[in-house]
Amino acid sequence: MKKTKAQAPRVNPQRAPRERRMDHNTVSRPKRAKPGKNAAGPSETVEQFKARGGKVQILTASWGQAA
């Protein structure tokens, strides 16, 4: 009997790579963002934004309009 070389499975380049499981009892889930952490940095007030030269558009609320 002739021995054939073992071939690696074909990989589809369009598919996203799958995360490896640590063991068979673990399911990989995306990490949750921690609450209170702002990715944009510290927040600023409208007055601080205007002081930097920012422009603010004031929108009227539907309940604030006269009928």
Protein backbone atom coordinates (compact mmCIF):
# COMPACT_ATOMS: atom_id res chain seq x y z
CA MET A 1 0.00 0.00 0.00
CA LYS A 2 1.25 3.42 -0.97
CA LYS A 3 1.48 6.08 1.77
CA THR A 4 0.20 9.53 0.82
CA LYS A 5 1.36 12.76 2.37
CA ALA A 6 -1.02 14.34 4.88
CA GLN A 7 -2.45 17.60 3.56
CA ALA A 8 -3.52 20.60 5.62
CA PRO A 9 -7.17 21.64 5.24
CA ARG A 10 -7.83 24.35 2.67
CA VAL A 11 -8.29 27.84 4.11
CA ASN A 12 -10.81 30.26 2.66
CA PRO A 13 -9.10 33.70 2.55
CA GLN A 14 -12.45 35.57 2.65
CA ARG A 15 -13.48 34.06 5.99
CA ALA A 16 -12.50 35.71 9.26
CA PRO A 17 -10.00 33.71 11.31
CA ARG A 18 -11.59 31.73 14.13
CA GLU A 19 -10.32 32.03 17.67
CA ARG A 20 -8.81 28.90 19.16
CA ARG A 21 -10.74 27.38 22.05
CA MET A 22 -8.88 26.96 25.30
CA ASP A 23 -10.66 23.67 25.94
CA HIS A 24 -13.90 22.02 24.89
CA ASN A 25 -15.79 23.43 27.87
CA THR A 26 -15.05 27.03 26.90
CA VAL A 27 -16.90 29.13 24.34
CA SER A 28 -15.06 32.15 22.95
CA ARG A 29 -17.07 35.35 23.32
CA PRO A 30 -16.06 38.92 22.45
CA LYS A 31 -14.82 40.96 25.39
CA ARG A 32 -17.30 43.46 26.81
CA ALA A 33 -16.37 47.12 27.11
CA LYS A 34 -16.05 48.21 30.71
CA PRO A 35 -18.68 50.80 31.69
CA GLY A 36 -17.39 54.25 32.52
CA LYS A 37 -14.42 54.04 30.18
CA ASN A 38 -14.63 56.71 27.50
CA ALA A 39 -12.53 55.95 24.43
CA ALA A 40 -12.53 59.61 23.33
CA GLY A 41 -10.91 60.79 26.56
CA PRO A 42 -12.25 63.16 29.19
CA SER A 43 -15.55 64.83 28.39
CA GLU A 44 -16.05 68.58 28.17
CA THR A 45 -19.00 70.90 28.66
CA VAL A 46 -20.71 72.85 25.90
CA GLU A 47 -19.22 76.06 27.28
CA GLN A 48 -15.71 74.61 27.08
CA PHE A 49 -16.37 73.45 23.52
CA LYS A 50 -17.64 76.91 22.52
CA ALA A 51 -14.60 78.52 24.20
CA ARG A 52 -12.33 76.44 21.94
CA GLY A 53 -14.17 77.87 18.92
CA GLY A 54 -16.64 75.02 18.41
CA LYS A 55 -20.05 75.66 16.89
CA VAL A 56 -23.21 74.26 18.48
CA GLN A 57 -26.50 73.84 16.62
CA ILE A 58 -29.49 74.22 18.93
CA LEU A 59 -32.43 72.03 17.95
CA THR A 60 -35.92 72.71 19.25
CA ALA A 61 -37.72 69.79 20.81
CA SER A 62 -41.15 68.80 19.50
CA TRP A 63 -42.75 69.40 22.91
CA GLY A 64 -41.14 72.86 23.14
CA GLN A 65 -42.67 74.21 19.90
CA ALA A 66 -45.78 76.34 20.02
CA ALA A 67 -48.74 74.71 18.28
